[in-house]
Amino acid sequence: MGTSWGTKSPPRLVRMDEPSEVIEPGENQSEDVGEVEQPVPTDTIATTARLRLRRLRDADLADLFALESVEDVWQAFHLGEQPTEEAVGALLQAMIAGQGALGEQSQRHSVAIEELDAPRFVGIIDLTAIGDLGDFAIAITPEARGHHYASEALPPYFEWCAVCGGVTTIIGAAHPDNAASIAAMQAAGMVEVDLGAATADGENVEVRTFQWTVPAL
């Protein structure tokens, strides 16, 4: 079964190693072009009907710090400890550099989510992988919640991780009371699996765990 894109057509995927280049207005345009299609920014990895997924930038620090300072985000991402701006800055640099959270043997695939029309920063997806197995987390800004952005962003993100990063199995977990996260993972084609409880600060925490596997050809 193929990936459920949530849009009328599959999003444009950009390779992780695709070189960046500045596209000047009028470049590569014929004299009679009619309606000119706007070039896709070179840090874009995928677009959907409403969203653009792109590589993180140094300029995202303020938005990322604001998001990581939301209580339910830092409770989940930082094991109950509110992060400092310095800590979020270090996190951002690790995301940009692709430095995994599990040491040198791991890789990190992190993206910003922004609205396609605005553009407005509305969230992040962060994944650490060892080999072809990845563990991801997603966070949406409070003002952007309720629009099903997570379920729209996850399928093209998973596809990008598989096609361009070799990550073919992706795991995500949520507290049983987190209905929105569970619904988003299910809508993205993830299947619930039994991998036991998660560990936080040395204690077992009850979670529901879901898995996405690259569709067979």
N, C-alpha and C. Protein backbone atom coordinates (compact mmCIF):
# COMPACT_ATOMS: atom_id res chain seq x y z
N MET A 1 0.86 -1.19 0.00
CA MET A 1 0.00 0.00 0.00
C MET A 1 0.89 1.23 0.00
N GLY A 2 0.59 2.18 -0.85
CA GLY A 2 1.40 3.39 -0.96
C GLY A 2 1.15 4.36 0.17
N THR A 3 2.01 5.35 0.25
CA THR A 3 1.86 6.37 1.28
C THR A 3 0.62 7.21 1.03
N SER A 4 -0.11 7.50 2.10
CA SER A 4 -1.26 8.39 2.00
C SER A 4 -0.78 9.82 2.13
N TRP A 5 -0.73 10.54 0.99
CA TRP A 5 -0.10 11.85 0.97
C TRP A 5 -0.95 12.92 1.63
N GLY A 6 -2.28 12.79 1.63
CA GLY A 6 -3.12 13.84 2.19
C GLY A 6 -3.25 15.03 1.26
N THR A 7 -2.77 14.92 0.03
CA THR A 7 -2.90 15.97 -0.97
C THR A 7 -3.28 15.33 -2.29
N LYS A 8 -3.60 16.13 -3.28
CA LYS A 8 -4.02 15.59 -4.55
C LYS A 8 -2.88 14.90 -5.30
N SER A 9 -1.66 15.29 -5.03
CA SER A 9 -0.52 14.66 -5.68
C SER A 9 0.64 14.59 -4.70
N PRO A 10 1.59 13.65 -4.91
CA PRO A 10 2.71 13.54 -3.99
C PRO A 10 3.49 14.84 -3.91
N PRO A 11 4.00 15.20 -2.73
CA PRO A 11 4.77 16.42 -2.59
C PRO A 11 6.12 16.31 -3.27
N ARG A 12 6.70 17.48 -3.57
CA ARG A 12 8.04 17.50 -4.16
C ARG A 12 9.04 17.17 -3.06
N LEU A 13 9.89 16.17 -3.31
CA LEU A 13 10.93 15.80 -2.37
C LEU A 13 12.27 16.29 -2.88
N VAL A 14 13.11 16.76 -1.99
CA VAL A 14 14.43 17.26 -2.34
C VAL A 14 15.47 16.42 -1.62
N ARG A 15 16.49 15.97 -2.31
CA ARG A 15 17.51 15.14 -1.70
C ARG A 15 18.22 15.87 -0.58
N MET A 16 18.66 15.11 0.45
CA MET A 16 19.37 15.71 1.56
C MET A 16 20.68 16.34 1.09
N ASP A 17 21.30 15.77 0.04
CA ASP A 17 22.58 16.30 -0.41
C ASP A 17 22.44 17.20 -1.62
N GLU A 18 21.21 17.64 -1.92
CA GLU A 18 21.00 18.49 -3.07
C GLU A 18 21.67 19.83 -2.84
N PRO A 19 22.53 20.29 -3.76
CA PRO A 19 23.24 21.55 -3.54
C PRO A 19 22.30 22.74 -3.55
N SER A 20 22.59 23.71 -2.71
CA SER A 20 21.79 24.93 -2.68
C SER A 20 22.31 25.89 -3.73
N GLU A 21 21.40 26.61 -4.33
CA GLU A 21 21.81 27.63 -5.28
C GLU A 21 20.79 28.75 -5.25
N VAL A 22 21.24 29.95 -5.55
CA VAL A 22 20.35 31.11 -5.59
C VAL A 22 19.71 31.19 -6.96
N ILE A 23 18.40 31.22 -6.99
CA ILE A 23 17.67 31.33 -8.25
C ILE A 23 17.26 32.78 -8.42
N GLU A 24 17.85 33.43 -9.39
CA GLU A 24 17.57 34.84 -9.63
C GLU A 24 16.28 34.99 -10.43
N PRO A 25 15.51 36.06 -10.20
CA PRO A 25 14.30 36.29 -10.98
C PRO A 25 14.61 36.32 -12.46
N GLY A 26 13.79 35.62 -13.24
CA GLY A 26 13.97 35.59 -14.67
C GLY A 26 14.92 34.52 -15.17
N GLU A 27 15.65 33.87 -14.26
CA GLU A 27 16.59 32.84 -14.68
C GLU A 27 15.85 31.61 -15.15
N ASN A 28 16.33 30.98 -16.22
CA ASN A 28 15.74 29.77 -16.78
C ASN A 28 14.29 29.98 -17.20
N GLN A 29 13.93 31.17 -17.64
CA GLN A 29 12.58 31.46 -18.10
C GLN A 29 12.63 31.82 -19.58
N SER A 30 11.68 31.29 -20.34
CA SER A 30 11.60 31.64 -21.75
C SER A 30 10.89 32.97 -21.88
N GLU A 31 10.94 33.56 -23.09
CA GLU A 31 10.33 34.86 -23.30
C GLU A 31 8.82 34.80 -23.17
N ASP A 32 8.22 33.68 -23.60
CA ASP A 32 6.76 33.54 -23.56
C ASP A 32 6.41 32.44 -22.58
N VAL A 33 6.27 32.81 -21.32
CA VAL A 33 6.05 31.80 -20.29
C VAL A 33 4.65 31.85 -19.72
N GLY A 34 3.88 32.87 -20.05
CA GLY A 34 2.54 32.99 -19.48
C GLY A 34 2.65 33.21 -17.99
N GLU A 35 1.91 32.43 -17.20
CA GLU A 35 1.95 32.54 -15.75
C GLU A 35 3.21 31.86 -15.24
N VAL A 36 4.08 32.61 -14.59
CA VAL A 36 5.37 32.09 -14.16
C VAL A 36 5.22 31.39 -12.83
N GLU A 37 5.69 30.15 -12.78
CA GLU A 37 5.67 29.40 -11.52
C GLU A 37 6.81 29.87 -10.65
N GLN A 38 6.51 30.18 -9.39
CA GLN A 38 7.53 30.65 -8.49
C GLN A 38 8.49 29.52 -8.14
N PRO A 39 9.80 29.80 -8.12
CA PRO A 39 10.76 28.74 -7.79
C PRO A 39 10.60 28.28 -6.35
N VAL A 40 10.82 26.98 -6.12
CA VAL A 40 10.77 26.44 -4.78
C VAL A 40 12.06 26.82 -4.05
N PRO A 41 11.97 27.41 -2.85
CA PRO A 41 13.19 27.75 -2.12
C PRO A 41 14.10 26.53 -1.98
N THR A 42 15.40 26.74 -2.06
CA THR A 42 16.32 25.62 -2.14
C THR A 42 16.48 24.85 -0.84
N ASP A 43 15.96 25.37 0.29
CA ASP A 43 16.03 24.58 1.52
C ASP A 43 14.74 23.80 1.77
N THR A 44 13.85 23.79 0.78
CA THR A 44 12.61 23.03 0.89
C THR A 44 12.89 21.55 0.67
N ILE A 45 12.30 20.69 1.50
CA ILE A 45 12.42 19.25 1.27
C ILE A 45 11.11 18.65 0.78
N ALA A 46 9.98 19.30 1.07
CA ALA A 46 8.69 18.80 0.57
C ALA A 46 7.64 19.88 0.75
N THR A 47 6.64 19.85 -0.11
CA THR A 47 5.49 20.73 0.06
C THR A 47 4.22 19.91 -0.03
N THR A 48 3.18 20.37 0.67
CA THR A 48 1.86 19.76 0.61
C THR A 48 0.89 20.86 0.19
N ALA A 49 -0.40 20.58 0.30
CA ALA A 49 -1.39 21.57 -0.09
C ALA A 49 -1.28 22.85 0.73
N ARG A 50 -0.90 22.73 2.00
CA ARG A 50 -0.89 23.91 2.88
C ARG A 50 0.46 24.18 3.53
N LEU A 51 1.40 23.25 3.44
CA LEU A 51 2.61 23.34 4.23
C LEU A 51 3.87 23.21 3.38
N ARG A 52 4.95 23.76 3.94
CA ARG A 52 6.28 23.56 3.38
C ARG A 52 7.16 23.01 4.49
N LEU A 53 7.86 21.92 4.21
CA LEU A 53 8.85 21.38 5.12
C LEU A 53 10.22 21.80 4.60
N ARG A 54 11.01 22.37 5.47
CA ARG A 54 12.32 22.87 5.03
C ARG A 54 13.37 22.60 6.09
N ARG A 55 14.61 22.75 5.68
CA ARG A 55 15.71 22.60 6.62
C ARG A 55 15.68 23.74 7.65
N LEU A 56 16.12 23.42 8.83
CA LEU A 56 16.18 24.45 9.87
C LEU A 56 17.32 25.42 9.58
N ARG A 57 17.17 26.65 10.11
CA ARG A 57 18.14 27.72 9.90
C ARG A 57 18.53 28.33 11.24
N ASP A 58 19.65 29.04 11.24
CA ASP A 58 20.06 29.77 12.45
C ASP A 58 18.98 30.76 12.86
N ALA A 59 18.29 31.35 11.88
CA ALA A 59 17.28 32.36 12.16
C ALA A 59 16.03 31.79 12.83
N ASP A 60 15.95 30.47 12.95
CA ASP A 60 14.78 29.84 13.58
C ASP A 60 14.88 29.81 15.11
N LEU A 61 15.97 30.33 15.67
CA LEU A 61 16.19 30.20 17.11
C LEU A 61 15.04 30.77 17.93
N ALA A 62 14.58 31.97 17.61
CA ALA A 62 13.52 32.59 18.40
C ALA A 62 12.23 31.76 18.34
N ASP A 63 11.87 31.31 17.13
CA ASP A 63 10.66 30.51 16.99
C ASP A 63 10.80 29.16 17.69
N LEU A 64 11.98 28.55 17.57
CA LEU A 64 12.19 27.26 18.22
C LEU A 64 12.18 27.40 19.74
N PHE A 65 12.80 28.46 20.25
CA PHE A 65 12.79 28.67 21.70
C PHE A 65 11.37 28.90 22.21
N ALA A 66 10.58 29.67 21.48
CA ALA A 66 9.19 29.90 21.88
C ALA A 66 8.41 28.59 21.90
N LEU A 67 8.63 27.75 20.90
CA LEU A 67 7.93 26.46 20.84
C LEU A 67 8.39 25.54 21.97
N GLU A 68 9.70 25.46 22.17
CA GLU A 68 10.23 24.58 23.21
C GLU A 68 9.89 25.08 24.61
N SER A 69 9.46 26.34 24.73
CA SER A 69 9.08 26.89 26.03
C SER A 69 7.62 26.64 26.38
N VAL A 70 6.85 26.11 25.44
CA VAL A 70 5.46 25.74 25.71
C VAL A 70 5.47 24.54 26.65
N GLU A 71 4.67 24.59 27.71
CA GLU A 71 4.79 23.60 28.78
C GLU A 71 4.63 22.17 28.29
N ASP A 72 3.61 21.89 27.49
CA ASP A 72 3.42 20.49 27.08
C ASP A 72 4.53 20.01 26.16
N VAL A 73 5.21 20.95 25.47
CA VAL A 73 6.33 20.57 24.60
C VAL A 73 7.55 20.25 25.45
N TRP A 74 7.94 21.15 26.36
CA TRP A 74 9.14 20.85 27.13
C TRP A 74 8.93 19.70 28.11
N GLN A 75 7.69 19.50 28.56
CA GLN A 75 7.43 18.34 29.41
C GLN A 75 7.70 17.05 28.65
N ALA A 76 7.34 17.02 27.36
CA ALA A 76 7.52 15.82 26.55
C ALA A 76 8.94 15.69 26.00
N PHE A 77 9.50 16.81 25.51
CA PHE A 77 10.79 16.76 24.82
C PHE A 77 11.97 16.78 25.78
N HIS A 78 11.80 17.41 26.92
CA HIS A 78 12.95 17.61 27.82
C HIS A 78 12.74 16.94 29.17
N LEU A 79 11.91 15.92 29.20
CA LEU A 79 11.71 15.10 30.39
C LEU A 79 11.35 15.93 31.61
N GLY A 80 10.50 16.94 31.40
CA GLY A 80 9.98 17.70 32.52
C GLY A 80 10.84 18.86 32.96
N GLU A 81 11.91 19.16 32.24
CA GLU A 81 12.79 20.28 32.62
C GLU A 81 12.71 21.36 31.56
N GLN A 82 12.29 22.57 31.94
CA GLN A 82 12.16 23.66 30.98
C GLN A 82 13.54 24.07 30.48
N PRO A 83 13.74 24.11 29.15
CA PRO A 83 15.07 24.40 28.62
C PRO A 83 15.39 25.89 28.65
N THR A 84 16.67 26.19 28.69
CA THR A 84 17.14 27.57 28.58
C THR A 84 17.30 27.91 27.10
N GLU A 85 17.44 29.23 26.81
CA GLU A 85 17.67 29.63 25.43
C GLU A 85 19.01 29.07 24.93
N GLU A 86 19.99 29.00 25.81
CA GLU A 86 21.28 28.44 25.43
C GLU A 86 21.15 26.97 25.03
N ALA A 87 20.35 26.22 25.81
CA ALA A 87 20.15 24.80 25.50
C ALA A 87 19.41 24.62 24.18
N VAL A 88 18.42 25.48 23.93
CA VAL A 88 17.68 25.39 22.67
C VAL A 88 18.60 25.78 21.50
N GLY A 89 19.48 26.74 21.72
CA GLY A 89 20.44 27.12 20.68
C GLY A 89 21.35 25.95 20.32
N ALA A 90 21.81 25.22 21.34
CA ALA A 90 22.66 24.05 21.09
C ALA A 90 21.87 22.97 20.37
N LEU A 91 20.60 22.80 20.75
CA LEU A 91 19.74 21.83 20.08
C LEU A 91 19.57 22.18 18.61
N LEU A 92 19.32 23.46 18.33
CA LEU A 92 19.15 23.91 16.95
C LEU A 92 20.39 23.61 16.12
N GLN A 93 21.56 23.89 16.66
CA GLN A 93 22.79 23.64 15.91
C GLN A 93 22.98 22.15 15.64
N ALA A 94 22.61 21.32 16.62
CA ALA A 94 22.69 19.87 16.40
C ALA A 94 21.72 19.41 15.32
N MET A 95 20.53 20.01 15.30
CA MET A 95 19.55 19.68 14.27
C MET A 95 20.06 20.09 12.89
N ILE A 96 20.61 21.30 12.79
CA ILE A 96 21.11 21.79 11.51
C ILE A 96 22.26 20.91 11.01
N ALA A 97 23.13 20.50 11.93
CA ALA A 97 24.31 19.71 11.57
C ALA A 97 24.00 18.23 11.36
N GLY A 98 22.79 17.80 11.75
CA GLY A 98 22.44 16.39 11.62
C GLY A 98 23.07 15.52 12.67
N GLN A 99 23.43 16.11 13.81
CA GLN A 99 24.07 15.35 14.89
C GLN A 99 23.02 14.62 15.70
N GLY A 100 23.04 13.30 15.66
CA GLY A 100 22.06 12.50 16.37
C GLY A 100 22.19 12.61 17.87
N ALA A 101 21.09 12.31 18.56
CA ALA A 101 21.08 12.41 20.02
C ALA A 101 21.66 11.17 20.69
N LEU A 102 22.07 10.18 19.90
CA LEU A 102 22.57 8.92 20.46
C LEU A 102 24.03 8.68 20.13
N GLY A 103 24.77 9.75 19.96
CA GLY A 103 26.20 9.61 19.72
C GLY A 103 26.55 9.59 18.25
N GLU A 104 27.83 9.29 17.98
CA GLU A 104 28.36 9.38 16.63
C GLU A 104 27.73 8.38 15.67
N GLN A 105 27.20 7.28 16.20
CA GLN A 105 26.61 6.27 15.33
C GLN A 105 25.23 6.66 14.84
N SER A 106 24.69 7.75 15.34
CA SER A 106 23.32 8.15 14.97
C SER A 106 23.32 9.38 14.07
N GLN A 107 22.24 9.53 13.32
CA GLN A 107 22.04 10.68 12.45
C GLN A 107 20.75 11.39 12.86
N ARG A 108 20.69 12.66 12.51
CA ARG A 108 19.49 13.44 12.85
C ARG A 108 18.91 14.04 11.59
N HIS A 109 17.59 13.91 11.43
CA HIS A 109 16.88 14.49 10.30
C HIS A 109 15.78 15.38 10.85
N SER A 110 16.02 16.69 10.86
CA SER A 110 15.10 17.64 11.49
C SER A 110 14.63 18.66 10.47
N VAL A 111 13.36 19.03 10.55
CA VAL A 111 12.81 20.02 9.62
C VAL A 111 11.91 20.99 10.36
N ALA A 112 11.79 22.17 9.78
CA ALA A 112 10.80 23.14 10.23
C ALA A 112 9.54 22.95 9.38
N ILE A 113 8.40 23.18 9.99
CA ILE A 113 7.12 23.16 9.28
C ILE A 113 6.63 24.59 9.23
N GLU A 114 6.29 25.05 8.04
CA GLU A 114 5.73 26.39 7.93
C GLU A 114 4.56 26.39 6.96
N GLU A 115 3.66 27.33 7.17
CA GLU A 115 2.53 27.47 6.27
C GLU A 115 3.03 27.92 4.91
N LEU A 116 2.43 27.37 3.88
CA LEU A 116 2.93 27.61 2.52
C LEU A 116 2.66 29.03 2.06
N ASP A 117 1.52 29.60 2.43
CA ASP A 117 1.14 30.91 1.93
C ASP A 117 1.76 32.06 2.71
N ALA A 118 1.95 31.89 4.03
CA ALA A 118 2.35 33.01 4.87
C ALA A 118 3.74 33.58 4.53
N PRO A 119 4.90 32.88 4.70
CA PRO A 119 5.04 31.64 5.44
C PRO A 119 5.20 31.92 6.94
N ARG A 120 4.64 31.04 7.77
CA ARG A 120 4.71 31.20 9.21
C ARG A 120 5.21 29.90 9.82
N PHE A 121 6.19 29.98 10.72
CA PHE A 121 6.73 28.82 11.42
C PHE A 121 5.64 28.23 12.31
N VAL A 122 5.32 26.95 12.09
CA VAL A 122 4.24 26.35 12.88
C VAL A 122 4.66 25.07 13.59
N GLY A 123 5.93 24.66 13.44
CA GLY A 123 6.33 23.46 14.17
C GLY A 123 7.63 22.88 13.66
N ILE A 124 8.01 21.75 14.28
CA ILE A 124 9.23 21.03 13.89
C ILE A 124 8.94 19.54 13.92
N ILE A 125 9.74 18.80 13.13
CA ILE A 125 9.82 17.35 13.25
C ILE A 125 11.28 17.01 13.45
N ASP A 126 11.56 16.17 14.44
CA ASP A 126 12.94 15.83 14.79
C ASP A 126 13.05 14.31 14.88
N LEU A 127 14.01 13.74 14.15
CA LEU A 127 14.18 12.28 14.14
C LEU A 127 15.64 11.94 14.31
N THR A 128 15.91 10.99 15.20
CA THR A 128 17.25 10.43 15.35
C THR A 128 17.21 8.99 14.86
N ALA A 129 18.17 8.64 14.00
CA ALA A 129 18.19 7.31 13.40
C ALA A 129 19.54 6.65 13.62
N ILE A 130 19.49 5.34 13.81
CA ILE A 130 20.67 4.50 13.77
C ILE A 130 20.42 3.49 12.66
N GLY A 131 21.21 3.56 11.62
CA GLY A 131 20.96 2.70 10.46
C GLY A 131 19.64 3.06 9.82
N ASP A 132 18.79 2.05 9.61
CA ASP A 132 17.52 2.29 8.94
C ASP A 132 16.35 2.44 9.92
N LEU A 133 16.63 2.54 11.22
CA LEU A 133 15.59 2.69 12.24
C LEU A 133 15.64 4.07 12.86
N GLY A 134 14.50 4.76 12.87
CA GLY A 134 14.45 6.11 13.41
C GLY A 134 13.36 6.27 14.45
N ASP A 135 13.57 7.21 15.36
CA ASP A 135 12.62 7.55 16.41
C ASP A 135 12.33 9.04 16.28
N PHE A 136 11.07 9.42 16.09
CA PHE A 136 10.76 10.82 15.78
C PHE A 136 9.87 11.45 16.85
N ALA A 137 9.88 12.79 16.84
CA ALA A 137 8.97 13.58 17.66
C ALA A 137 8.52 14.78 16.82
N ILE A 138 7.31 15.24 17.07
CA ILE A 138 6.79 16.39 16.34
C ILE A 138 6.15 17.35 17.34
N ALA A 139 6.29 18.63 17.09
CA ALA A 139 5.66 19.64 17.96
C ALA A 139 5.08 20.74 17.08
N ILE A 140 3.85 21.12 17.37
CA ILE A 140 3.14 22.17 16.64
C ILE A 140 2.91 23.34 17.59
N THR A 141 3.09 24.56 17.10
CA THR A 141 2.88 25.74 17.94
C THR A 141 1.42 25.82 18.38
N PRO A 142 1.15 26.33 19.56
CA PRO A 142 -0.23 26.37 20.07
C PRO A 142 -1.21 27.05 19.13
N GLU A 143 -0.80 28.16 18.51
CA GLU A 143 -1.72 28.89 17.64
C GLU A 143 -2.02 28.17 16.34
N ALA A 144 -1.21 27.16 15.99
CA ALA A 144 -1.42 26.43 14.74
C ALA A 144 -2.09 25.07 14.97
N ARG A 145 -2.41 24.76 16.20
CA ARG A 145 -3.04 23.47 16.47
C ARG A 145 -4.51 23.47 16.05
N GLY A 146 -5.03 22.29 15.83
CA GLY A 146 -6.42 22.16 15.44
C GLY A 146 -6.65 22.18 13.94
N HIS A 147 -5.57 22.30 13.14
CA HIS A 147 -5.68 22.34 11.69
C HIS A 147 -5.19 21.06 11.02
N HIS A 148 -4.86 20.05 11.82
CA HIS A 148 -4.38 18.76 11.32
C HIS A 148 -3.07 18.91 10.53
N TYR A 149 -2.24 19.86 10.95
CA TYR A 149 -0.96 20.07 10.28
C TYR A 149 -0.03 18.87 10.48
N ALA A 150 -0.06 18.26 11.66
CA ALA A 150 0.84 17.14 11.92
C ALA A 150 0.57 15.98 10.98
N SER A 151 -0.70 15.61 10.82
CA SER A 151 -1.03 14.48 9.95
C SER A 151 -0.75 14.80 8.49
N GLU A 152 -0.74 16.08 8.11
CA GLU A 152 -0.41 16.46 6.74
C GLU A 152 1.10 16.46 6.52
N ALA A 153 1.86 16.83 7.54
CA ALA A 153 3.31 16.95 7.39
C ALA A 153 4.03 15.61 7.49
N LEU A 154 3.51 14.68 8.27
CA LEU A 154 4.25 13.45 8.53
C LEU A 154 4.46 12.55 7.31
N PRO A 155 3.45 12.28 6.47
CA PRO A 155 3.70 11.37 5.33
C PRO A 155 4.84 11.82 4.41
N PRO A 156 4.88 13.08 3.95
CA PRO A 156 6.02 13.47 3.11
C PRO A 156 7.33 13.49 3.86
N TYR A 157 7.28 13.78 5.15
CA TYR A 157 8.51 13.74 5.95
C TYR A 157 9.05 12.32 6.04
N PHE A 158 8.17 11.36 6.33
CA PHE A 158 8.60 9.96 6.39
C PHE A 158 9.19 9.52 5.05
N GLU A 159 8.52 9.91 3.97
CA GLU A 159 8.99 9.53 2.64
C GLU A 159 10.38 10.13 2.37
N TRP A 160 10.58 11.37 2.76
CA TRP A 160 11.88 12.01 2.60
C TRP A 160 12.96 11.27 3.39
N CYS A 161 12.65 10.91 4.63
CA CYS A 161 13.63 10.18 5.45
C CYS A 161 13.98 8.84 4.80
N ALA A 162 12.99 8.18 4.19
CA ALA A 162 13.24 6.89 3.56
C ALA A 162 14.03 7.03 2.26
N VAL A 163 13.57 7.93 1.38
CA VAL A 163 14.18 8.06 0.06
C VAL A 163 15.56 8.68 0.15
N CYS A 164 15.72 9.68 0.97
CA CYS A 164 16.97 10.45 0.99
C CYS A 164 17.88 10.12 2.16
N GLY A 165 17.34 9.48 3.19
CA GLY A 165 18.15 9.18 4.36
C GLY A 165 18.29 7.71 4.68
N GLY A 166 17.58 6.84 3.94
CA GLY A 166 17.68 5.41 4.17
C GLY A 166 17.00 4.93 5.43
N VAL A 167 16.11 5.75 6.00
CA VAL A 167 15.38 5.36 7.22
C VAL A 167 14.07 4.70 6.79
N THR A 168 13.99 3.39 6.95
CA THR A 168 12.84 2.65 6.42
C THR A 168 11.83 2.25 7.48
N THR A 169 12.20 2.36 8.75
CA THR A 169 11.26 2.08 9.85
C THR A 169 11.34 3.23 10.84
N ILE A 170 10.18 3.81 11.16
CA ILE A 170 10.13 4.98 12.03
C ILE A 170 9.17 4.72 13.17
N ILE A 171 9.61 5.02 14.38
CA ILE A 171 8.83 4.79 15.60
C ILE A 171 8.45 6.13 16.22
N GLY A 172 7.24 6.21 16.75
CA GLY A 172 6.79 7.38 17.50
C GLY A 172 5.93 6.93 18.66
N ALA A 173 5.93 7.69 19.73
CA ALA A 173 5.16 7.32 20.92
C ALA A 173 4.43 8.53 21.47
N ALA A 174 3.33 8.28 22.14
CA ALA A 174 2.54 9.34 22.76
C ALA A 174 1.89 8.81 24.03
N HIS A 175 1.67 9.73 24.97
CA HIS A 175 0.94 9.36 26.18
C HIS A 175 -0.47 8.93 25.78
N PRO A 176 -1.04 7.94 26.44
CA PRO A 176 -2.39 7.46 26.08
C PRO A 176 -3.45 8.55 26.07
N ASP A 177 -3.26 9.63 26.85
CA ASP A 177 -4.25 10.71 26.89
C ASP A 177 -4.06 11.73 25.77
N ASN A 178 -2.97 11.61 25.01
CA ASN A 178 -2.67 12.59 23.95
C ASN A 178 -3.39 12.16 22.66
N ALA A 179 -4.68 12.43 22.62
CA ALA A 179 -5.50 11.97 21.49
C ALA A 179 -5.07 12.60 20.18
N ALA A 180 -4.65 13.87 20.21
CA ALA A 180 -4.27 14.56 18.97
C ALA A 180 -3.04 13.91 18.33
N SER A 181 -2.02 13.60 19.13
CA SER A 181 -0.82 12.97 18.59
C SER A 181 -1.11 11.58 18.07
N ILE A 182 -1.91 10.84 18.79
CA ILE A 182 -2.26 9.49 18.36
C ILE A 182 -3.03 9.53 17.05
N ALA A 183 -3.98 10.45 16.94
CA ALA A 183 -4.76 10.58 15.70
C ALA A 183 -3.87 10.98 14.53
N ALA A 184 -2.89 11.86 14.78
CA ALA A 184 -1.99 12.30 13.71
C ALA A 184 -1.14 11.15 13.21
N MET A 185 -0.62 10.34 14.13
CA MET A 185 0.21 9.21 13.71
C MET A 185 -0.61 8.18 12.94
N GLN A 186 -1.81 7.93 13.39
CA GLN A 186 -2.67 6.98 12.68
C GLN A 186 -3.03 7.51 11.30
N ALA A 187 -3.32 8.80 11.20
CA ALA A 187 -3.66 9.39 9.91
C ALA A 187 -2.48 9.37 8.95
N ALA A 188 -1.26 9.36 9.50
CA ALA A 188 -0.05 9.32 8.67
C ALA A 188 0.31 7.90 8.25
N GLY A 189 -0.52 6.94 8.59
CA GLY A 189 -0.28 5.56 8.18
C GLY A 189 0.53 4.74 9.15
N MET A 190 0.73 5.23 10.38
CA MET A 190 1.47 4.47 11.37
C MET A 190 0.56 3.44 12.01
N VAL A 191 1.15 2.30 12.38
CA VAL A 191 0.41 1.19 12.96
C VAL A 191 0.87 1.00 14.40
N GLU A 192 -0.08 0.79 15.30
CA GLU A 192 0.29 0.63 16.71
C GLU A 192 1.00 -0.70 16.91
N VAL A 193 2.08 -0.64 17.68
CA VAL A 193 2.87 -1.83 17.99
C VAL A 193 3.11 -1.87 19.49
N ASP A 194 3.51 -3.02 19.99
CA ASP A 194 3.76 -3.18 21.41
C ASP A 194 5.26 -3.27 21.65
N LEU A 195 5.84 -2.14 22.06
CA LEU A 195 7.27 -2.11 22.34
C LEU A 195 7.55 -1.83 23.81
N GLY A 196 6.52 -1.94 24.66
CA GLY A 196 6.71 -1.70 26.08
C GLY A 196 6.66 -0.23 26.43
N ALA A 197 6.88 0.08 27.69
CA ALA A 197 6.81 1.46 28.17
C ALA A 197 8.09 2.21 27.82
N ALA A 198 7.98 3.53 27.71
CA ALA A 198 9.15 4.37 27.50
C ALA A 198 9.81 4.65 28.84
N THR A 199 11.05 5.10 28.79
CA THR A 199 11.79 5.41 30.02
C THR A 199 12.11 6.89 30.06
N ALA A 200 11.78 7.54 31.17
CA ALA A 200 12.08 8.95 31.37
C ALA A 200 12.60 9.12 32.80
N ASP A 201 13.80 9.69 32.90
CA ASP A 201 14.43 9.87 34.21
C ASP A 201 14.50 8.57 34.99
N GLY A 202 14.76 7.47 34.29
CA GLY A 202 14.91 6.18 34.95
C GLY A 202 13.61 5.51 35.34
N GLU A 203 12.48 6.13 35.01
CA GLU A 203 11.19 5.55 35.37
C GLU A 203 10.42 5.16 34.11
N ASN A 204 9.64 4.08 34.20
CA ASN A 204 8.81 3.67 33.09
C ASN A 204 7.59 4.57 32.98
N VAL A 205 7.30 5.01 31.77
CA VAL A 205 6.17 5.88 31.50
C VAL A 205 5.26 5.18 30.49
N GLU A 206 3.99 5.11 30.80
CA GLU A 206 3.05 4.44 29.90
C GLU A 206 2.89 5.25 28.62
N VAL A 207 3.04 4.59 27.49
CA VAL A 207 2.89 5.25 26.20
C VAL A 207 2.21 4.29 25.22
N ARG A 208 1.67 4.86 24.16
CA ARG A 208 1.21 4.07 23.02
C ARG A 208 2.22 4.30 21.90
N THR A 209 2.74 3.24 21.35
CA THR A 209 3.82 3.32 20.37
C THR A 209 3.31 2.92 18.99
N PHE A 210 3.73 3.71 17.97
CA PHE A 210 3.29 3.48 16.60
C PHE A 210 4.51 3.36 15.69
N GLN A 211 4.33 2.64 14.59
CA GLN A 211 5.44 2.39 13.68
C GLN A 211 5.00 2.62 12.23
N TRP A 212 5.91 3.25 11.47
CA TRP A 212 5.74 3.41 10.03
C TRP A 212 6.86 2.65 9.35
N THR A 213 6.51 1.88 8.33
CA THR A 213 7.49 1.14 7.55
C THR A 213 7.34 1.53 6.10
N VAL A 214 8.46 1.73 5.41
CA VAL A 214 8.40 2.13 4.02
C VAL A 214 7.55 1.14 3.23
N PRO A 215 6.60 1.62 2.44
CA PRO A 215 5.72 0.71 1.70
C PRO A 215 6.50 -0.15 0.71
N ALA A 216 6.09 -1.40 0.60
CA ALA A 216 6.73 -2.31 -0.36
C ALA A 216 6.36 -1.89 -1.78
N LEU A 217 7.31 -2.02 -2.68
CA LEU A 217 7.07 -1.67 -4.07
C LEU A 217 6.23 -2.74 -4.75
